[in-house]
C-alpha atoms as a PDB file:
ATOM      1  CA  UNK A   1     -19.830 -66.293 -88.414  1.00  0.00           C
ATOM      2  CA  UNK A   2     -22.395 -65.412 -90.544  1.00  0.00           C
ATOM      3  CA  UNK A   3     -21.952 -66.652 -94.352  1.00  0.00           C
ATOM      4  CA  UNK A   4     -22.546 -64.402 -97.187  1.00  0.00           C
ATOM      5  CA  UNK A   5     -25.698 -66.151 -98.392  1.00  0.00           C
ATOM      6  CA  UNK A   6     -28.755 -65.047-100.599  1.00  0.00           C
ATOM      7  CA  UNK A   7     -31.168 -64.002 -98.288  1.00  0.00           C
ATOM      8  CA  UNK A   8     -35.019 -63.556 -99.565  1.00  0.00           C
ATOM      9  CA  UNK A   9     -35.936 -60.100 -97.866  1.00  0.00           C
ATOM     10  CA  UNK A  10     -38.892 -60.139 -95.675  1.00  0.00           C
ATOM     11  CA  UNK A  11     -41.741 -57.653 -96.248  1.00  0.00           C
ATOM     12  CA  UNK A  12     -40.833 -54.357 -94.787  1.00  0.00           C
ATOM     13  CA  UNK A  13     -43.016 -53.857 -91.583  1.00  0.00           C
ATOM     14  CA  UNK A  14     -42.623 -50.962 -90.660  1.00  0.00           C
ATOM     15  CA  UNK A  15     -12.013 -67.362 -88.195  1.00  0.00           C
ATOM     16  CA  UNK A  16     -11.246 -68.637 -85.640  1.00  0.00           C
ATOM     17  CA  UNK A  17      -7.855 -69.779 -84.649  1.00  0.00           C
ATOM     18  CA  UNK A  18      -6.898 -70.240 -81.101  1.00  0.00           C
ATOM     19  CA  UNK A  19      -3.488 -70.003 -79.391  1.00  0.00           C
ATOM     20  CA  UNK A  20      -2.063 -73.536 -78.928  1.00  0.00           C
ATOM     21  CA  UNK A  21      -2.650 -75.012 -75.738  1.00  0.00           C
ATOM     22  CA  UNK A  22      -0.092 -76.811 -73.783  1.00  0.00           C
ATOM     23  CA  UNK A  23      -2.494 -78.373 -71.293  1.00  0.00           C
ATOM     24  CA  UNK A  24      -4.773 -81.261 -71.950  1.00  0.00           C
ATOM     25  CA  UNK A  25      -8.065 -80.236 -73.426  1.00  0.00           C
ATOM     26  CA  UNK A  26     -11.408 -80.166 -71.328  1.00  0.00           C
ATOM     27  CA  UNK A  27     -14.121 -81.922 -72.568  1.00  0.00           C
ATOM     28  CA  UNK A  28     -16.735 -80.075 -74.697  1.00  0.00           C
ATOM     29  CA  UNK A  29     -19.525 -81.116 -72.367  1.00  0.00           C
ATOM     30  CA  UNK A  30     -18.110 -79.369 -69.307  1.00  0.00           C
ATOM     31  CA  UNK A  31     -17.061 -76.506 -71.385  1.00  0.00           C
ATOM     32  CA  UNK A  32     -20.095 -74.555 -70.824  1.00  0.00           C
ATOM     33  CA  UNK A  33     -19.142 -74.797 -67.199  1.00  0.00           C
ATOM     34  CA  UNK A  34     -16.047 -73.334 -67.452  1.00  0.00           C
ATOM     35  CA  UNK A  35     -14.914 -69.633 -67.265  1.00  0.00           C
ATOM     36  CA  UNK A  36     -11.859 -67.770 -67.848  1.00  0.00           C
ATOM     37  CA  UNK A  37      -9.880 -66.510 -64.793  1.00  0.00           C
ATOM     38  CA  UNK A  38      -8.077 -63.423 -64.640  1.00  0.00           C
ATOM     39  CA  UNK A  39      -4.363 -64.012 -64.612  1.00  0.00           C
ATOM     40  CA  UNK A  40      -2.963 -62.836 -61.077  1.00  0.00           C
ATOM     41  CA  UNK A  41      -6.313 -62.307 -59.624  1.00  0.00           C
ATOM     42  CA  UNK A  42      -6.937 -63.821 -56.477  1.00  0.00           C
ATOM     43  CA  UNK A  43      -9.789 -65.635 -56.058  1.00  0.00           C
ATOM     44  CA  UNK A  44     -11.547 -66.589 -53.002  1.00  0.00           C
ATOM     45  CA  UNK A  45     -14.083 -68.817 -54.867  1.00  0.00           C
ATOM     46  CA  UNK A  46     -14.238 -70.248 -58.333  1.00  0.00           C
ATOM     47  CA  UNK A  47     -15.904 -67.912 -60.833  1.00  0.00           C
ATOM     48  CA  UNK A  48     -19.411 -68.578 -61.794  1.00  0.00           C
ATOM     49  CA  UNK A  49     -19.521 -70.725 -65.165  1.00  0.00           C
ATOM     50  CA  UNK A  50     -21.409 -69.193 -68.115  1.00  0.00           C
ATOM     51  CA  UNK A  51     -24.390 -71.253 -67.723  1.00  0.00           C
ATOM     52  CA  UNK A  52     -24.761 -70.595 -63.865  1.00  0.00           C
ATOM     53  CA  UNK A  53     -24.792 -66.863 -64.157  1.00  0.00           C
ATOM     54  CA  UNK A  54     -28.802 -66.794 -64.382  1.00  0.00           C
ATOM     55  CA  UNK A  55     -31.114 -64.422 -66.425  1.00  0.00           C
ATOM     56  CA  UNK A  56     -30.044 -61.786 -68.537  1.00  0.00           C
ATOM     57  CA  UNK A  57     -31.549 -58.416 -67.204  1.00  0.00           C
ATOM     58  CA  UNK A  58     -33.729 -56.722 -69.192  1.00  0.00           C
ATOM     59  CA  UNK A  59     -32.245 -53.378 -70.590  1.00  0.00           C
ATOM     60  CA  UNK A  60     -32.957 -50.984 -73.134  1.00  0.00           C
ATOM     61  CA  UNK A  61     -31.513 -50.791 -76.599  1.00  0.00           C
ATOM     62  CA  UNK A  62     -33.365 -48.521 -79.142  1.00  0.00           C
ATOM     63  CA  UNK A  63     -32.891 -48.787 -82.824  1.00  0.00           C
ATOM     64  CA  UNK A  64     -31.101 -46.103 -84.757  1.00  0.00           C
ATOM     65  CA  UNK A  65     -32.523 -46.363 -88.146  1.00  0.00           C
ATOM     66  CA  UNK A  66     -30.651 -48.087 -90.759  1.00  0.00           C
ATOM     67  CA  UNK A  67     -31.530 -45.367 -93.620  1.00  0.00           C
ATOM     68  CA  UNK A  68     -31.791 -41.569 -92.732  1.00  0.00           C
ATOM     69  CA  UNK A  69     -33.412 -39.221 -95.184  1.00  0.00           C
ATOM     70  CA  UNK A  70     -32.183 -41.637 -98.010  1.00  0.00           C
ATOM     71  CA  UNK A  71     -28.484 -42.316 -96.300  1.00  0.00           C
ATOM     72  CA  UNK A  72     -27.141 -45.680 -95.215  1.00  0.00           C
ATOM     73  CA  UNK A  73     -26.625 -45.373 -91.572  1.00  0.00           C
ATOM     74  CA  UNK A  74     -25.374 -48.936 -91.296  1.00  0.00           C
ATOM     75  CA  UNK A  75     -21.848 -48.050 -89.216  1.00  0.00           C
ATOM     76  CA  UNK A  76     -24.454 -45.946 -86.802  1.00  0.00           C
ATOM     77  CA  UNK A  77     -26.697 -48.923 -86.335  1.00  0.00           C
ATOM     78  CA  UNK A  78     -24.360 -51.554 -85.948  1.00  0.00           C
ATOM     79  CA  UNK A  79     -21.898 -49.193 -83.351  1.00  0.00           C
ATOM     80  CA  UNK A  80     -25.102 -48.870 -81.384  1.00  0.00           C
ATOM     81  CA  UNK A  81     -26.155 -52.411 -81.317  1.00  0.00           C
ATOM     82  CA  UNK A  82     -22.620 -53.311 -80.213  1.00  0.00           C
ATOM     83  CA  UNK A  83     -22.957 -50.434 -77.673  1.00  0.00           C
ATOM     84  CA  UNK A  84     -26.212 -52.103 -76.402  1.00  0.00           C
ATOM     85  CA  UNK A  85     -24.281 -55.693 -76.392  1.00  0.00           C
ATOM     86  CA  UNK A  86     -21.663 -54.497 -74.095  1.00  0.00           C
ATOM     87  CA  UNK A  87     -23.731 -52.883 -71.795  1.00  0.00           C
ATOM     88  CA  UNK A  88     -25.810 -55.803 -71.106  1.00  0.00           C
ATOM     89  CA  UNK A  89     -23.177 -58.624 -70.867  1.00  0.00           C
ATOM     90  CA  UNK A  90     -20.733 -56.378 -69.080  1.00  0.00           C
ATOM     91  CA  UNK A  91     -23.469 -55.707 -66.448  1.00  0.00           C
ATOM     92  CA  UNK A  92     -24.280 -59.878 -66.425  1.00  0.00           C
ATOM     93  CA  UNK A  93     -20.738 -61.058 -66.263  1.00  0.00           C
ATOM     94  CA  UNK A  94     -19.759 -58.442 -63.507  1.00  0.00           C
ATOM     95  CA  UNK A  95     -22.623 -59.527 -61.173  1.00  0.00           C
ATOM     96  CA  UNK A  96     -21.421 -63.020 -61.741  1.00  0.00           C
ATOM     97  CA  UNK A  97     -17.873 -61.969 -60.766  1.00  0.00           C
ATOM     98  CA  UNK A  98     -16.483 -62.962 -64.343  1.00  0.00           C
ATOM     99  CA  UNK A  99     -14.065 -60.979 -66.328  1.00  0.00           C
ATOM    100  CA  UNK A 100     -15.239 -58.732 -69.246  1.00  0.00           C
ATOM    101  CA  UNK A 101     -13.587 -57.144 -72.247  1.00  0.00           C
ATOM    102  CA  UNK A 102     -15.632 -55.330 -74.640  1.00  0.00           C
ATOM    103  CA  UNK A 103     -14.609 -56.801 -78.388  1.00  0.00           C
ATOM    104  CA  UNK A 104     -12.935 -54.509 -81.066  1.00  0.00           C
ATOM    105  CA  UNK A 105     -15.137 -53.797 -83.759  1.00  0.00           C
ATOM    106  CA  UNK A 106     -13.954 -53.372 -87.550  1.00  0.00           C
ATOM    107  CA  UNK A 107     -15.962 -52.288 -90.391  1.00  0.00           C
ATOM    108  CA  UNK A 108     -15.476 -52.696 -93.947  1.00  0.00           C
ATOM    109  CA  UNK A 109     -17.432 -51.778 -97.172  1.00  0.00           C
ATOM    110  CA  UNK A 110     -15.650 -54.465 -99.195  1.00  0.00           C
ATOM    111  CA  UNK A 111     -13.774 -57.706 -98.356  1.00  0.00           C
ATOM    112  CA  UNK A 112     -10.246 -57.582 -97.805  1.00  0.00           C
ATOM    113  CA  UNK A 113      -7.598 -60.391 -98.808  1.00  0.00           C
ATOM    114  CA  UNK A 114      -6.791 -61.259 -95.080  1.00  0.00           C
ATOM    115  CA  UNK A 115      -8.982 -61.305 -91.778  1.00  0.00           C
ATOM    116  CA  UNK A 116      -8.009 -62.526 -88.468  1.00  0.00           C
ATOM    117  CA  UNK A 117      -4.606 -62.137 -88.797  1.00  0.00           C
ATOM    118  CA  UNK A 118      -3.024 -63.908 -92.190  1.00  0.00           C
ATOM    119  CA  UNK A 119      -6.358 -66.121 -92.572  1.00  0.00           C
ATOM    120  CA  UNK A 120      -7.898 -65.629 -96.050  1.00  0.00           C
ATOM    121  CA  UNK A 121     -10.982 -63.446 -95.905  1.00  0.00           C
ATOM    122  CA  UNK A 122     -13.813 -65.517 -95.522  1.00  0.00           C
ATOM    123  CA  UNK A 123     -17.321 -65.546 -97.338  1.00  0.00           C
ATOM    124  CA  UNK A 124     -19.216 -63.989 -94.581  1.00  0.00           C
ATOM    125  CA  UNK A 125     -21.441 -60.774 -93.930  1.00  0.00           C
ATOM    126  CA  UNK A 126     -19.930 -60.789 -90.169  1.00  0.00           C
ATOM    127  CA  UNK A 127     -17.272 -62.910 -88.357  1.00  0.00           C
ATOM    128  CA  UNK A 128     -15.545 -62.954 -85.268  1.00  0.00           C
ATOM    129  CA  UNK A 129     -11.649 -63.235 -84.980  1.00  0.00           C
ATOM    130  CA  UNK A 130     -11.148 -64.922 -81.648  1.00  0.00           C
ATOM    131  CA  UNK A 131      -7.259 -64.571 -81.108  1.00  0.00           C
ATOM    132  CA  UNK A 132      -7.670 -60.882 -81.634  1.00  0.00           C
ATOM    133  CA  UNK A 133     -11.355 -60.242 -79.493  1.00  0.00           C
ATOM    134  CA  UNK A 134     -12.294 -58.835 -83.017  1.00  0.00           C
ATOM    135  CA  UNK A 135     -16.072 -58.481 -84.567  1.00  0.00           C
ATOM    136  CA  UNK A 136     -15.867 -57.522 -88.412  1.00  0.00           C
ATOM    137  CA  UNK A 137     -18.983 -56.350 -89.674  1.00  0.00           C
ATOM    138  CA  UNK A 138     -19.313 -55.938 -93.549  1.00  0.00           C
ATOM    139  CA  UNK A 139     -21.320 -52.535 -94.241  1.00  0.00           C
ATOM    140  CA  UNK A 140     -22.577 -53.495 -97.613  1.00  0.00           C
ATOM    141  CA  UNK A 141     -24.752 -56.453 -98.811  1.00  0.00           C
ATOM    142  CA  UNK A 142     -28.608 -58.220 -98.483  1.00  0.00           C
ATOM    143  CA  UNK A 143     -27.869 -58.778 -95.043  1.00  0.00           C
ATOM    144  CA  UNK A 144     -28.101 -55.194 -93.836  1.00  0.00           C
ATOM    145  CA  UNK A 145     -28.482 -52.840 -96.649  1.00  0.00           C
ATOM    146  CA  UNK A 146     -31.966 -51.611 -97.405  1.00  0.00           C
ATOM    147  CA  UNK A 147     -33.322 -53.677 -94.659  1.00  0.00           C
ATOM    148  CA  UNK A 148     -36.214 -52.690 -91.855  1.00  0.00           C
ATOM    149  CA  UNK A 149     -36.420 -56.027 -90.271  1.00  0.00           C
ATOM    150  CA  UNK A 150     -34.436 -57.102 -86.856  1.00  0.00           C
ATOM    151  CA  UNK A 151     -32.201 -59.609 -89.048  1.00  0.00           C
ATOM    152  CA  UNK A 152     -28.735 -57.134 -88.702  1.00  0.00           C
ATOM    153  CA  UNK A 153     -29.405 -56.851 -85.025  1.00  0.00           C
ATOM    154  CA  UNK A 154     -29.680 -60.827 -84.463  1.00  0.00           C
ATOM    155  CA  UNK A 155     -26.437 -60.751 -86.700  1.00  0.00           C
ATOM    156  CA  UNK A 156     -24.513 -58.696 -84.320  1.00  0.00           C
ATOM    157  CA  UNK A 157     -25.807 -60.785 -81.432  1.00  0.00           C
ATOM    158  CA  UNK A 158     -24.645 -63.588 -83.199  1.00  0.00           C
ATOM    159  CA  UNK A 159     -21.231 -62.429 -83.770  1.00  0.00           C
ATOM    160  CA  UNK A 160     -21.093 -61.528 -80.152  1.00  0.00           C
ATOM    161  CA  UNK A 161     -22.246 -64.386 -78.744  1.00  0.00           C
ATOM    162  CA  UNK A 162     -18.723 -65.720 -79.914  1.00  0.00           C
ATOM    163  CA  UNK A 163     -16.946 -63.141 -78.233  1.00  0.00           C
ATOM    164  CA  UNK A 164     -18.883 -64.600 -75.097  1.00  0.00           C
ATOM    165  CA  UNK A 165     -17.773 -67.630 -75.785  1.00  0.00           C
ATOM    166  CA  UNK A 166     -13.876 -66.596 -76.034  1.00  0.00           C
ATOM    167  CA  UNK A 167     -14.333 -64.523 -72.892  1.00  0.00           C
ATOM    168  CA  UNK A 168     -15.464 -67.431 -70.959  1.00  0.00           C
ATOM    169  CA  UNK A 169     -13.201 -70.482 -72.080  1.00  0.00           C
ATOM    170  CA  UNK A 170     -15.554 -72.039 -74.544  1.00  0.00           C
ATOM    171  CA  UNK A 171     -13.986 -71.300 -77.528  1.00  0.00           C
ATOM    172  CA  UNK A 172     -10.441 -72.709 -75.974  1.00  0.00           C
ATOM    173  CA  UNK A 173     -11.895 -75.628 -75.295  1.00  0.00           C
ATOM    174  CA  UNK A 174     -13.785 -76.262 -78.547  1.00  0.00           C
ATOM    175  CA  UNK A 175     -10.737 -75.259 -80.515  1.00  0.00           C
ATOM    176  CA  UNK A 176      -8.807 -77.976 -78.952  1.00  0.00           C
ATOM    177  CA  UNK A 177     -11.378 -80.413 -79.580  1.00  0.00           C
ATOM    178  CA  UNK A 178     -11.816 -79.521 -83.359  1.00  0.00           C
ATOM    179  CA  UNK A 179      -8.000 -79.735 -83.755  1.00  0.00           C
ATOM    180  CA  UNK A 180      -8.133 -83.359 -82.010  1.00  0.00           C
ATOM    181  CA  UNK A 181     -11.188 -84.539 -83.691  1.00  0.00           C
ATOM    182  CA  UNK A 182     -11.276 -85.204 -87.364  1.00  0.00           C
ATOM    183  CA  UNK A 183     -14.638 -87.096 -88.358  1.00  0.00           C
ATOM    184  CA  UNK A 184     -16.729 -85.068 -85.787  1.00  0.00           C
ATOM    185  CA  UNK A 185     -15.408 -81.572 -86.738  1.00  0.00           C
ATOM    186  CA  UNK A 186     -18.598 -80.444 -88.469  1.00  0.00           C
ATOM    187  CA  UNK A 187     -20.756 -81.579 -85.747  1.00  0.00           C
ATOM    188  CA  UNK A 188     -18.405 -79.630 -83.122  1.00  0.00           C
ATOM    189  CA  UNK A 189     -18.691 -76.439 -85.424  1.00  0.00           C
ATOM    190  CA  UNK A 190     -22.416 -76.573 -85.266  1.00  0.00           C
ATOM    191  CA  UNK A 191     -22.577 -76.939 -81.671  1.00  0.00           C
ATOM    192  CA  UNK A 192     -20.101 -73.934 -81.361  1.00  0.00           C
ATOM    193  CA  UNK A 193     -22.382 -71.804 -84.003  1.00  0.00           C
ATOM    194  CA  UNK A 194     -25.355 -72.784 -82.420  1.00  0.00           C
ATOM    195  CA  UNK A 195     -24.837 -71.759 -79.015  1.00  0.00           C
ATOM    196  CA  UNK A 196     -24.150 -68.557 -80.493  1.00  0.00           C
ATOM    197  CA  UNK A 197     -27.488 -68.665 -82.100  1.00  0.00           C
ATOM    198  CA  UNK A 198     -28.749 -69.475 -78.428  1.00  0.00           C
ATOM    199  CA  UNK A 199     -26.842 -66.296 -76.983  1.00  0.00           C
ATOM    200  CA  UNK A 200     -28.240 -63.933 -79.520  1.00  0.00           C
ATOM    201  CA  UNK A 201     -31.841 -64.851 -78.406  1.00  0.00           C
ATOM    202  CA  UNK A 202     -30.881 -64.471 -74.722  1.00  0.00           C
ATOM    203  CA  UNK A 203     -29.860 -60.610 -75.748  1.00  0.00           C
ATOM    204  CA  UNK A 204     -32.700 -59.997 -78.150  1.00  0.00           C
ATOM    205  CA  UNK A 205     -35.294 -60.967 -75.492  1.00  0.00           C
ATOM    206  CA  UNK A 206     -33.968 -59.027 -72.756  1.00  0.00           C
ATOM    207  CA  UNK A 207     -34.485 -55.666 -74.902  1.00  0.00           C
ATOM    208  CA  UNK A 208     -37.526 -56.996 -76.736  1.00  0.00           C
ATOM    209  CA  UNK A 209     -39.502 -54.413 -74.709  1.00  0.00           C
ATOM    210  CA  UNK A 210     -37.073 -51.323 -76.013  1.00  0.00           C
ATOM    211  CA  UNK A 211     -37.407 -52.189 -79.274  1.00  0.00           C
ATOM    212  CA  UNK A 212     -40.635 -51.053 -79.666  1.00  0.00           C
ATOM    213  CA  UNK A 213     -41.438 -53.901 -82.754  1.00  0.00           C
ATOM    214  CA  UNK A 214     -44.298 -55.744 -83.321  1.00  0.00           C
ATOM    215  CA  UNK A 215     -45.326 -59.125 -83.440  1.00  0.00           C
ATOM    216  CA  UNK A 216     -45.057 -59.315 -87.123  1.00  0.00           C
ATOM    217  CA  UNK A 217     -41.530 -58.180 -87.042  1.00  0.00           C
ATOM    218  CA  UNK A 218     -40.499 -60.956 -84.512  1.00  0.00           C
ATOM    219  CA  UNK A 219     -42.126 -63.552 -86.815  1.00  0.00           C
ATOM    220  CA  UNK A 220     -40.531 -62.104 -89.707  1.00  0.00           C
ATOM    221  CA  UNK A 221     -37.017 -62.418 -87.808  1.00  0.00           C
ATOM    222  CA  UNK A 222     -37.938 -66.296 -86.783  1.00  0.00           C
ATOM    223  CA  UNK A 223     -38.467 -67.081 -90.448  1.00  0.00           C
ATOM    224  CA  UNK A 224     -35.325 -65.319 -91.402  1.00  0.00           C
ATOM    225  CA  UNK A 225     -33.479 -67.297 -88.679  1.00  0.00           C
ATOM    226  CA  UNK A 226     -34.997 -70.430 -89.889  1.00  0.00           C
ATOM    227  CA  UNK A 227     -33.830 -69.774 -93.736  1.00  0.00           C
ATOM    228  CA  UNK A 228     -30.664 -68.903 -92.585  1.00  0.00           C
ATOM    229  CA  UNK A 229     -29.843 -72.977 -92.160  1.00  0.00           C
ATOM    230  CA  UNK A 230     -27.110 -74.183 -94.214  1.00  0.00           C
ATOM    231  CA  UNK A 231     -26.592 -76.894 -96.330  1.00  0.00           C
ATOM    232  CA  UNK A 232     -22.778 -77.663 -95.842  1.00  0.00           C
ATOM    233  CA  UNK A 233     -23.322 -78.546 -92.103  1.00  0.00           C
ATOM    234  CA  UNK A 234     -21.302 -76.022 -90.789  1.00  0.00           C
ATOM    235  CA  UNK A 235     -24.037 -73.942 -88.999  1.00  0.00           C
ATOM    236  CA  UNK A 236     -27.273 -76.273 -88.777  1.00  0.00           C
ATOM    237  CA  UNK A 237     -30.488 -76.485 -90.062  1.00  0.00           C
ATOM    238  CA  UNK A 238     -32.838 -73.830 -90.687  1.00  0.00           C
ATOM    239  CA  UNK A 239     -35.055 -75.469 -88.039  1.00  0.00           C
ATOM    240  CA  UNK A 240     -32.243 -76.214 -85.286  1.00  0.00           C
ATOM    241  CA  UNK A 241     -30.835 -72.336 -85.844  1.00  0.00           C
ATOM    242  CA  UNK A 242     -34.274 -71.138 -85.061  1.00  0.00           C
ATOM    243  CA  UNK A 243     -34.898 -74.010 -82.085  1.00  0.00           C
ATOM    244  CA  UNK A 244     -31.840 -72.662 -80.478  1.00  0.00           C
ATOM    245  CA  UNK A 245     -32.634 -69.177 -80.721  1.00  0.00           C
ATOM    246  CA  UNK A 246     -36.049 -69.342 -79.473  1.00  0.00           C
ATOM    247  CA  UNK A 247     -34.469 -71.324 -76.630  1.00  0.00           C
ATOM    248  CA  UNK A 248     -32.470 -68.170 -75.736  1.00  0.00           C
ATOM    249  CA  UNK A 249     -35.038 -66.082 -76.323  1.00  0.00           C
ATOM    250  CA  UNK A 250     -37.621 -67.303 -74.401  1.00  0.00           C
ATOM    251  CA  UNK A 251     -35.292 -68.286 -71.263  1.00  0.00           C
ATOM    252  CA  UNK A 252     -33.504 -65.261 -71.204  1.00  0.00           C
ATOM    253  CA  UNK A 253     -30.409 -67.159 -69.482  1.00  0.00           C
ATOM    254  CA  UNK A 254     -27.268 -68.710 -71.087  1.00  0.00           C
ATOM    255  CA  UNK A 255     -28.113 -71.875 -68.931  1.00  0.00           C
ATOM    256  CA  UNK A 256     -30.826 -72.488 -71.918  1.00  0.00           C
ATOM    257  CA  UNK A 257     -27.852 -72.555 -74.296  1.00  0.00           C
ATOM    258  CA  UNK A 258     -25.813 -75.968 -73.368  1.00  0.00           C
ATOM    259  CA  UNK A 259     -25.523 -76.998 -77.002  1.00  0.00           C
ATOM    260  CA  UNK A 260     -22.612 -79.312 -76.131  1.00  0.00           C
ATOM    261  CA  UNK A 261     -24.783 -81.999 -74.334  1.00  0.00           C
ATOM    262  CA  UNK A 262     -27.771 -81.837 -76.626  1.00  0.00           C
ATOM    263  CA  UNK A 263     -28.227 -85.208 -79.131  1.00  0.00           C
ATOM    264  CA  UNK A 264     -27.074 -85.354 -82.362  1.00  0.00           C
ATOM    265  CA  UNK A 265     -30.528 -84.274 -84.065  1.00  0.00           C
ATOM    266  CA  UNK A 266     -30.787 -81.305 -82.043  1.00  0.00           C
ATOM    267  CA  UNK A 267     -27.471 -80.080 -83.481  1.00  0.00           C
ATOM    268  CA  UNK A 268     -27.857 -81.380 -87.239  1.00  0.00           C
END
């Protein structure tokens, strides 16, 4: 989820509710090492866990303009971004023998009353509904309107990271532990969100060359990620959000995104 919060615009450069589980919850230290197995599918060997799938292959993801002739093209931009994410991650999971299902995508010009089924609409610019396998984007707001930086693409990749967590069993394990743990819920959520930050970095690093952005553009993105740290303890400090994003961006591999075994100071 990307909470709606004031963002200082950089200079122009150019809910999740899991279905109840009857089996004992899996430890979150092992959550990154689990992957969903298609029901009824014969398996000669266990599928690779997400953390052992190797590097995400470089791919092309040219950005369409967010504004064309003075007309906002936010829907077209986000549609293209999700198409790139589908292409990159479907090929990656397929090579690893893991199942893939593209997320549903919904766009809204204004918040509704309900989201993710019967849950209240969150105070967020974008969010993922795990039960429905749906990513929801607002088409308005400072997070995307009038921007020329890479922040909207990073937000799309973060929400897609939550979709990957659902596909590979990580969300189910997280949700089970979240229900069982009281005092540690905030820390568990930060680990979950910071992993999505890292996975977004993996994707952006893999398409970097095709984006035709300058070094200054990337520095502005890093600063936007750092500024997105929260004070309510749900997503992590700015320093840690940037740290995990850069880990994925540099490694280009989900193996770099094991937030579940990281020390507490790395997920504060």
